[in-house]
Structure formats: structure tokens, C-alpha cells
């Protein structure tokens, strides 16, 4: 509470823990600040004989998420009525929208967030964010904007596509995103070693990725 004291008792907290156990979403129950052996004794009694969390079967299709799950499969789990078609909103991209670039330059983030909100309302299943402009601090703007839209549930419900040609910008963005976002993109343009390093970063942060068909020679034909 506001005095730094703990109001919960073992008796009042045990039913809350029981819900987690009964729903099968936990493997280990313990205690931290404010708990005591009395709390743990209560938890042990309600956990006795209950089954731990069961690992779900690996999905057959691609899962993406913001606050909500986006499953890309043959059935229609998308906000648009088209099988396997994923509508990516591209208006939060300084390279593709002069209006969005102007708003970011002017630090008019409220209106810039409104662009993201309208795209989702209009049916975008994913929101692309790109801050690559020579007059912007792309990394700082990416982090700032992603943190702001994360606080807007009507936007944050859909996955984000982190779009940049600068890998440090992408990594900074990955650290801001909840759920499973998309990295746009990686390629073999800088060689296999760099490609694998970038791919490991994507795996580490649990993201999906767009792979471009480029290598040191050029684009695949």
C-alpha cells in the first residue's frame, strides 16, 4: 500500500493463487516480499494433487500478437475477410507518408498515434512503424512511438512490424514490443555471418521476420 506495507493475508491471497492453479497456467508457486511460511503453507495445501501447466501443442500456422492473438491460417482469424491475407497498415512510415513524417518532426505524437489508431479501426491486422529519415533520430523516435502506442489498447491489440534498414533501430524496437511482432527485414546483402547474427536476435526476442531475397550480388530473380 502507500505506506509500503502488505495488506494481503495468507487467507485472502490463497483463493487468488487457487485460480491460477485451477486454470492450469502455473508450474511453480512461491512467495516474495510480504509473504511468510504461513502463505506458503496455504499454497501447498491448495496445490496438492493438482496438475501443473501442460505445454500446448506447437501451432501449425504462424502466430503473431499484440495484446490479441493473430493466427494466420486457412480459416479466417483475421480482421479482414480473406484467407491468409494480412493487411499491413503502412501509414506510420516516415518513408511512405509525408504527413506522418511531418507529425514526427513536429513532435505532434497525439495526431501521429491517431494515424495508427485509424489504420487498426479500418481493418489493419498489423501496423508497420518506420522512422528511417536522415533528419530524425530513428532509434529514439522508434522507441518513443512504440512505447506510446503500447499504452493504447485499441492499437496495441494488433502486432507491430518494426521496419528499418538500421539493425540497432530494430533491436531497440524489439525491446519495446509485447507479444510477437514482425521484423522487417533481414537479408544476405551483408553476407551470411551478419544474416545469422540478425536471425539470432530475432529468435532471441521471439519475433517473426520478413526475409528479403538479396545477397552480396543482388536480388534473386
C-alpha atoms as a PDB file:
ATOM      1  CA  UNK A   1       0.000   0.000   0.000  1.00  0.00           C
ATOM      2  CA  UNK A   2       1.019   3.687   0.090  1.00  0.00           C
ATOM      3  CA  UNK A   3       2.897   3.085   3.351  1.00  0.00           C
ATOM      4  CA  UNK A   4       4.956   0.247   1.910  1.00  0.00           C
ATOM      5  CA  UNK A   5       3.104  -2.325   3.988  1.00  0.00           C
ATOM      6  CA  UNK A   6       1.362  -5.506   2.830  1.00  0.00           C
ATOM      7  CA  UNK A   7      -2.405  -5.761   3.285  1.00  0.00           C
ATOM      8  CA  UNK A   8      -2.903  -9.265   1.890  1.00  0.00           C
ATOM      9  CA  UNK A   9      -3.097 -12.180   4.302  1.00  0.00           C
ATOM     10  CA  UNK A  10      -2.490 -15.837   3.593  1.00  0.00           C
ATOM     11  CA  UNK A  11      -6.251 -16.418   3.768  1.00  0.00           C
ATOM     12  CA  UNK A  12      -7.136 -13.589   1.358  1.00  0.00           C
ATOM     13  CA  UNK A  13      -4.421 -14.376  -1.171  1.00  0.00           C
ATOM     14  CA  UNK A  14      -4.823 -18.161  -1.297  1.00  0.00           C
ATOM     15  CA  UNK A  15      -8.069 -18.059  -3.369  1.00  0.00           C
ATOM     16  CA  UNK A  16      -6.327 -15.908  -5.983  1.00  0.00           C
ATOM     17  CA  UNK A  17      -3.490 -18.419  -6.226  1.00  0.00           C
ATOM     18  CA  UNK A  18      -6.058 -21.224  -6.412  1.00  0.00           C
ATOM     19  CA  UNK A  19      -7.491 -19.650  -9.581  1.00  0.00           C
ATOM     20  CA  UNK A  20      -4.081 -19.814 -11.279  1.00  0.00           C
ATOM     21  CA  UNK A  21      -3.693 -23.453 -10.262  1.00  0.00           C
ATOM     22  CA  UNK A  22      -7.206 -24.470 -11.329  1.00  0.00           C
ATOM     23  CA  UNK A  23      -6.764 -22.778 -14.712  1.00  0.00           C
ATOM     24  CA  UNK A  24      -3.555 -24.755 -15.266  1.00  0.00           C
ATOM     25  CA  UNK A  25      -1.398 -21.726 -16.036  1.00  0.00           C
ATOM     26  CA  UNK A  26       1.377 -22.204 -13.444  1.00  0.00           C
ATOM     27  CA  UNK A  27       4.084 -24.763 -12.716  1.00  0.00           C
ATOM     28  CA  UNK A  28       5.639 -23.289  -9.572  1.00  0.00           C
ATOM     29  CA  UNK A  29       4.038 -21.390  -6.692  1.00  0.00           C
ATOM     30  CA  UNK A  30       6.171 -19.432  -4.240  1.00  0.00           C
ATOM     31  CA  UNK A  31       6.399 -16.196  -2.318  1.00  0.00           C
ATOM     32  CA  UNK A  32       8.263 -12.909  -2.381  1.00  0.00           C
ATOM     33  CA  UNK A  33       8.067  -9.656  -0.410  1.00  0.00           C
ATOM     34  CA  UNK A  34       5.301  -9.650   2.181  1.00  0.00           C
ATOM     35  CA  UNK A  35       4.838 -13.415   2.290  1.00  0.00           C
ATOM     36  CA  UNK A  36       5.763 -15.774   5.102  1.00  0.00           C
ATOM     37  CA  UNK A  37       5.822 -19.530   5.785  1.00  0.00           C
ATOM     38  CA  UNK A  38       2.099 -19.235   6.530  1.00  0.00           C
ATOM     39  CA  UNK A  39       1.438 -18.134   2.931  1.00  0.00           C
ATOM     40  CA  UNK A  40       3.488 -20.997   1.509  1.00  0.00           C
ATOM     41  CA  UNK A  41       1.681 -23.497   3.729  1.00  0.00           C
ATOM     42  CA  UNK A  42      -1.670 -22.318   2.342  1.00  0.00           C
ATOM     43  CA  UNK A  43      -0.392 -22.567  -1.229  1.00  0.00           C
ATOM     44  CA  UNK A  44       0.946 -26.068  -0.633  1.00  0.00           C
ATOM     45  CA  UNK A  45      -2.439 -27.248   0.620  1.00  0.00           C
ATOM     46  CA  UNK A  46      -4.404 -25.879  -2.335  1.00  0.00           C
ATOM     47  CA  UNK A  47      -1.807 -27.151  -4.853  1.00  0.00           C
ATOM     48  CA  UNK A  48      -1.784 -30.699  -3.503  1.00  0.00           C
ATOM     49  CA  UNK A  49      -2.949 -33.189  -6.113  1.00  0.00           C
ATOM     50  CA  UNK A  50      -3.377 -30.540  -8.826  1.00  0.00           C
ATOM     51  CA  UNK A  51      -1.819 -30.857 -12.277  1.00  0.00           C
ATOM     52  CA  UNK A  52       0.883 -28.401 -13.392  1.00  0.00           C
ATOM     53  CA  UNK A  53       0.664 -26.373 -16.570  1.00  0.00           C
ATOM     54  CA  UNK A  54       0.679 -28.508 -19.709  1.00  0.00           C
ATOM     55  CA  UNK A  55       2.733 -27.278 -22.655  1.00  0.00           C
ATOM     56  CA  UNK A  56       0.441 -26.564 -25.593  1.00  0.00           C
ATOM     57  CA  UNK A  57       0.984 -28.241 -28.936  1.00  0.00           C
ATOM     58  CA  UNK A  58       3.191 -26.274 -31.297  1.00  0.00           C
ATOM     59  CA  UNK A  59       0.966 -24.362 -33.724  1.00  0.00           C
ATOM     60  CA  UNK A  60       0.832 -25.476 -37.347  1.00  0.00           C
ATOM     61  CA  UNK A  61       0.395 -21.916 -38.539  1.00  0.00           C
ATOM     62  CA  UNK A  62       2.017 -18.578 -37.833  1.00  0.00           C
ATOM     63  CA  UNK A  63       1.060 -16.889 -34.582  1.00  0.00           C
ATOM     64  CA  UNK A  64       1.544 -13.159 -34.154  1.00  0.00           C
ATOM     65  CA  UNK A  65       0.238 -10.980 -31.368  1.00  0.00           C
ATOM     66  CA  UNK A  66      -0.087  -7.609 -29.800  1.00  0.00           C
ATOM     67  CA  UNK A  67      -2.497  -7.815 -26.894  1.00  0.00           C
ATOM     68  CA  UNK A  68      -4.606 -10.166 -29.045  1.00  0.00           C
ATOM     69  CA  UNK A  69      -3.641 -13.286 -30.975  1.00  0.00           C
ATOM     70  CA  UNK A  70      -3.409 -13.100 -34.758  1.00  0.00           C
ATOM     71  CA  UNK A  71      -3.343 -16.587 -36.284  1.00  0.00           C
ATOM     72  CA  UNK A  72      -2.541 -16.716 -39.982  1.00  0.00           C
ATOM     73  CA  UNK A  73      -4.113 -19.887 -41.361  1.00  0.00           C
ATOM     74  CA  UNK A  74      -6.648 -21.194 -43.857  1.00  0.00           C
ATOM     75  CA  UNK A  75      -9.588 -20.189 -41.708  1.00  0.00           C
ATOM     76  CA  UNK A  76     -10.478 -16.566 -41.157  1.00  0.00           C
ATOM     77  CA  UNK A  77      -8.966 -15.463 -37.840  1.00  0.00           C
ATOM     78  CA  UNK A  78      -8.105 -12.071 -39.291  1.00  0.00           C
ATOM     79  CA  UNK A  79      -9.868  -8.717 -39.018  1.00  0.00           C
ATOM     80  CA  UNK A  80     -10.364  -8.895 -42.796  1.00  0.00           C
ATOM     81  CA  UNK A  81     -12.424 -11.414 -44.752  1.00  0.00           C
ATOM     82  CA  UNK A  82      -9.651 -13.036 -46.774  1.00  0.00           C
ATOM     83  CA  UNK A  83      -7.834 -16.316 -46.140  1.00  0.00           C
ATOM     84  CA  UNK A  84      -4.107 -15.855 -45.436  1.00  0.00           C
ATOM     85  CA  UNK A  85      -4.270 -12.213 -46.494  1.00  0.00           C
ATOM     86  CA  UNK A  86      -2.748  -9.991 -43.817  1.00  0.00           C
ATOM     87  CA  UNK A  87      -3.477  -6.297 -44.204  1.00  0.00           C
ATOM     88  CA  UNK A  88      -0.431  -4.324 -43.001  1.00  0.00           C
ATOM     89  CA  UNK A  89      -1.042  -0.648 -42.276  1.00  0.00           C
ATOM     90  CA  UNK A  90       1.829   1.381 -43.788  1.00  0.00           C
ATOM     91  CA  UNK A  91       0.844   4.926 -42.782  1.00  0.00           C
ATOM     92  CA  UNK A  92       3.117   5.067 -39.710  1.00  0.00           C
ATOM     93  CA  UNK A  93       6.103   5.073 -42.042  1.00  0.00           C
ATOM     94  CA  UNK A  94       8.117   8.268 -42.489  1.00  0.00           C
ATOM     95  CA  UNK A  95       9.410   6.980 -45.830  1.00  0.00           C
ATOM     96  CA  UNK A  96       5.918   6.415 -47.197  1.00  0.00           C
ATOM     97  CA  UNK A  97       3.773   9.102 -45.572  1.00  0.00           C
ATOM     98  CA  UNK A  98       4.672  12.789 -45.743  1.00  0.00           C
ATOM     99  CA  UNK A  99       2.001  13.554 -43.166  1.00  0.00           C
ATOM    100  CA  UNK A 100       3.406  11.073 -40.650  1.00  0.00           C
ATOM    101  CA  UNK A 101       6.943  12.385 -41.243  1.00  0.00           C
ATOM    102  CA  UNK A 102       5.753  15.949 -40.636  1.00  0.00           C
ATOM    103  CA  UNK A 103       3.974  14.973 -37.422  1.00  0.00           C
ATOM    104  CA  UNK A 104       7.048  13.183 -36.059  1.00  0.00           C
ATOM    105  CA  UNK A 105       9.284  16.126 -36.988  1.00  0.00           C
ATOM    106  CA  UNK A 106       6.857  18.460 -35.206  1.00  0.00           C
ATOM    107  CA  UNK A 107       6.671  16.121 -32.183  1.00  0.00           C
ATOM    108  CA  UNK A 108       2.913  16.002 -32.692  1.00  0.00           C
ATOM    109  CA  UNK A 109       2.664  12.497 -31.308  1.00  0.00           C
ATOM    110  CA  UNK A 110      -1.011  12.680 -30.422  1.00  0.00           C
ATOM    111  CA  UNK A 111      -2.009  13.076 -34.065  1.00  0.00           C
ATOM    112  CA  UNK A 112       0.624  10.542 -35.154  1.00  0.00           C
ATOM    113  CA  UNK A 113      -0.891   7.991 -32.773  1.00  0.00           C
ATOM    114  CA  UNK A 114      -4.260   8.827 -34.307  1.00  0.00           C
ATOM    115  CA  UNK A 115      -2.947   7.606 -37.674  1.00  0.00           C
ATOM    116  CA  UNK A 116      -2.101   4.229 -36.140  1.00  0.00           C
ATOM    117  CA  UNK A 117      -5.492   4.089 -34.437  1.00  0.00           C
ATOM    118  CA  UNK A 118      -7.373   4.802 -37.669  1.00  0.00           C
ATOM    119  CA  UNK A 119      -5.479   2.084 -39.536  1.00  0.00           C
ATOM    120  CA  UNK A 120      -6.499  -0.517 -36.958  1.00  0.00           C
ATOM    121  CA  UNK A 121     -10.086   0.748 -36.969  1.00  0.00           C
ATOM    122  CA  UNK A 122     -10.098   0.482 -40.775  1.00  0.00           C
ATOM    123  CA  UNK A 123      -9.023  -3.171 -40.668  1.00  0.00           C
ATOM    124  CA  UNK A 124      -5.225  -3.298 -40.497  1.00  0.00           C
ATOM    125  CA  UNK A 125      -4.153  -6.602 -38.932  1.00  0.00           C
ATOM    126  CA  UNK A 126      -0.574  -5.338 -38.411  1.00  0.00           C
ATOM    127  CA  UNK A 127       0.819  -1.805 -38.013  1.00  0.00           C
ATOM    128  CA  UNK A 128       4.157  -1.082 -39.705  1.00  0.00           C
ATOM    129  CA  UNK A 129       6.360   1.537 -37.998  1.00  0.00           C
ATOM    130  CA  UNK A 130       9.343   3.075 -39.799  1.00  0.00           C
ATOM    131  CA  UNK A 131      11.377   6.069 -38.589  1.00  0.00           C
ATOM    132  CA  UNK A 132      14.225   5.971 -41.149  1.00  0.00           C
ATOM    133  CA  UNK A 133      14.776   9.581 -42.161  1.00  0.00           C
ATOM    134  CA  UNK A 134      18.037  11.493 -42.337  1.00  0.00           C
ATOM    135  CA  UNK A 135      16.750  14.318 -40.131  1.00  0.00           C
ATOM    136  CA  UNK A 136      15.371  12.051 -37.395  1.00  0.00           C
ATOM    137  CA  UNK A 137      16.999  10.151 -34.563  1.00  0.00           C
ATOM    138  CA  UNK A 138      15.414   6.938 -35.839  1.00  0.00           C
ATOM    139  CA  UNK A 139      16.263   4.848 -32.786  1.00  0.00           C
ATOM    140  CA  UNK A 140      14.894   7.354 -30.269  1.00  0.00           C
ATOM    141  CA  UNK A 141      11.758   8.003 -32.328  1.00  0.00           C
ATOM    142  CA  UNK A 142      11.100   4.275 -32.793  1.00  0.00           C
ATOM    143  CA  UNK A 143      11.376   3.593 -29.060  1.00  0.00           C
ATOM    144  CA  UNK A 144       9.253   6.613 -28.178  1.00  0.00           C
ATOM    145  CA  UNK A 145       6.466   5.829 -30.640  1.00  0.00           C
ATOM    146  CA  UNK A 146       6.309   2.108 -29.832  1.00  0.00           C
ATOM    147  CA  UNK A 147       6.105   2.872 -26.119  1.00  0.00           C
ATOM    148  CA  UNK A 148       3.282   5.336 -26.737  1.00  0.00           C
ATOM    149  CA  UNK A 149       1.151   3.010 -28.866  1.00  0.00           C
ATOM    150  CA  UNK A 150       1.739   0.207 -26.342  1.00  0.00           C
ATOM    151  CA  UNK A 151      -0.286   2.319 -23.908  1.00  0.00           C
ATOM    152  CA  UNK A 152      -3.231   2.468 -26.346  1.00  0.00           C
ATOM    153  CA  UNK A 153      -5.163  -0.848 -26.140  1.00  0.00           C
ATOM    154  CA  UNK A 154      -7.129  -0.189 -29.331  1.00  0.00           C
ATOM    155  CA  UNK A 155      -3.798  -0.029 -31.207  1.00  0.00           C
ATOM    156  CA  UNK A 156      -1.686  -2.383 -29.090  1.00  0.00           C
ATOM    157  CA  UNK A 157      -4.130  -5.238 -29.709  1.00  0.00           C
ATOM    158  CA  UNK A 158      -2.541  -5.830 -33.141  1.00  0.00           C
ATOM    159  CA  UNK A 159       1.069  -6.885 -33.836  1.00  0.00           C
ATOM    160  CA  UNK A 160       3.674  -4.303 -34.819  1.00  0.00           C
ATOM    161  CA  UNK A 161       6.000  -4.603 -37.810  1.00  0.00           C
ATOM    162  CA  UNK A 162       9.328  -2.973 -36.891  1.00  0.00           C
ATOM    163  CA  UNK A 163      10.572  -1.596 -40.193  1.00  0.00           C
ATOM    164  CA  UNK A 164      14.105  -0.225 -40.527  1.00  0.00           C
ATOM    165  CA  UNK A 165      17.289  -0.597 -42.548  1.00  0.00           C
ATOM    166  CA  UNK A 166      19.290   0.022 -39.348  1.00  0.00           C
ATOM    167  CA  UNK A 167      19.709  -3.021 -37.138  1.00  0.00           C
ATOM    168  CA  UNK A 168      20.215  -1.052 -33.920  1.00  0.00           C
ATOM    169  CA  UNK A 169      16.816   0.570 -34.533  1.00  0.00           C
ATOM    170  CA  UNK A 170      15.187  -2.838 -34.976  1.00  0.00           C
ATOM    171  CA  UNK A 171      16.756  -4.238 -31.796  1.00  0.00           C
ATOM    172  CA  UNK A 172      15.680  -1.154 -29.839  1.00  0.00           C
ATOM    173  CA  UNK A 173      12.158  -1.652 -31.177  1.00  0.00           C
ATOM    174  CA  UNK A 174      12.140  -5.340 -30.268  1.00  0.00           C
ATOM    175  CA  UNK A 175      12.855  -4.413 -26.660  1.00  0.00           C
ATOM    176  CA  UNK A 176       9.670  -2.310 -26.595  1.00  0.00           C
ATOM    177  CA  UNK A 177       7.184  -4.729 -28.147  1.00  0.00           C
ATOM    178  CA  UNK A 178       4.883  -7.012 -26.229  1.00  0.00           C
ATOM    179  CA  UNK A 179       3.537 -10.153 -27.836  1.00  0.00           C
ATOM    180  CA  UNK A 180       5.062 -11.425 -31.080  1.00  0.00           C
ATOM    181  CA  UNK A 181       5.924  -8.691 -33.559  1.00  0.00           C
ATOM    182  CA  UNK A 182       7.467  -8.832 -37.045  1.00  0.00           C
ATOM    183  CA  UNK A 183      10.940  -7.661 -38.066  1.00  0.00           C
ATOM    184  CA  UNK A 184      11.151  -6.051 -41.496  1.00  0.00           C
ATOM    185  CA  UNK A 185      13.636  -7.246 -42.586  1.00  0.00           C
ATOM    186  CA  UNK A 186      16.810  -9.335 -42.873  1.00  0.00           C
ATOM    187  CA  UNK A 187      18.741 -10.498 -45.941  1.00  0.00           C
ATOM    188  CA  UNK A 188      22.095 -11.847 -47.097  1.00  0.00           C
ATOM    189  CA  UNK A 189      23.058  -8.456 -48.532  1.00  0.00           C
ATOM    190  CA  UNK A 190      25.846  -8.076 -45.942  1.00  0.00           C
ATOM    191  CA  UNK A 191      26.854 -11.736 -46.032  1.00  0.00           C
ATOM    192  CA  UNK A 192      25.961 -14.911 -44.192  1.00  0.00           C
ATOM    193  CA  UNK A 193      27.627 -14.005 -40.889  1.00  0.00           C
ATOM    194  CA  UNK A 194      25.616 -10.799 -40.463  1.00  0.00           C
ATOM    195  CA  UNK A 195      22.450 -12.571 -41.631  1.00  0.00           C
ATOM    196  CA  UNK A 196      22.833 -15.288 -38.992  1.00  0.00           C
ATOM    197  CA  UNK A 197      23.613 -12.731 -36.286  1.00  0.00           C
ATOM    198  CA  UNK A 198      20.431 -10.821 -37.122  1.00  0.00           C
ATOM    199  CA  UNK A 199      18.415 -14.045 -37.271  1.00  0.00           C
ATOM    200  CA  UNK A 200      19.646 -14.993 -33.785  1.00  0.00           C
ATOM    201  CA  UNK A 201      18.498 -11.611 -32.462  1.00  0.00           C
ATOM    202  CA  UNK A 202      15.053 -12.194 -33.974  1.00  0.00           C
ATOM    203  CA  UNK A 203      14.891 -15.624 -32.332  1.00  0.00           C
ATOM    204  CA  UNK A 204      16.105 -14.244 -29.007  1.00  0.00           C
ATOM    205  CA  UNK A 205      13.301 -11.686 -28.874  1.00  0.00           C
ATOM    206  CA  UNK A 206      10.653 -14.132 -30.088  1.00  0.00           C
ATOM    207  CA  UNK A 207       9.692 -12.232 -33.225  1.00  0.00           C
ATOM    208  CA  UNK A 208       8.627 -13.231 -36.718  1.00  0.00           C
ATOM    209  CA  UNK A 209      10.698 -11.952 -39.617  1.00  0.00           C
ATOM    210  CA  UNK A 210      10.488 -10.917 -43.256  1.00  0.00           C
ATOM    211  CA  UNK A 211      13.432 -12.349 -45.222  1.00  0.00           C
ATOM    212  CA  UNK A 212      14.337 -10.445 -48.375  1.00  0.00           C
ATOM    213  CA  UNK A 213      15.805 -12.371 -51.311  1.00  0.00           C
ATOM    214  CA  UNK A 214      19.036 -10.364 -51.558  1.00  0.00           C
ATOM    215  CA  UNK A 215      22.668 -11.380 -51.217  1.00  0.00           C
ATOM    216  CA  UNK A 216      26.008  -9.639 -51.837  1.00  0.00           C
ATOM    217  CA  UNK A 217      25.453  -9.934 -55.598  1.00  0.00           C
ATOM    218  CA  UNK A 218      21.923  -8.603 -55.798  1.00  0.00           C
ATOM    219  CA  UNK A 219      18.266  -9.587 -55.803  1.00  0.00           C
ATOM    220  CA  UNK A 220      17.133 -13.094 -56.654  1.00  0.00           C
ATOM    221  CA  UNK A 221      15.363 -13.449 -59.992  1.00  0.00           C
END
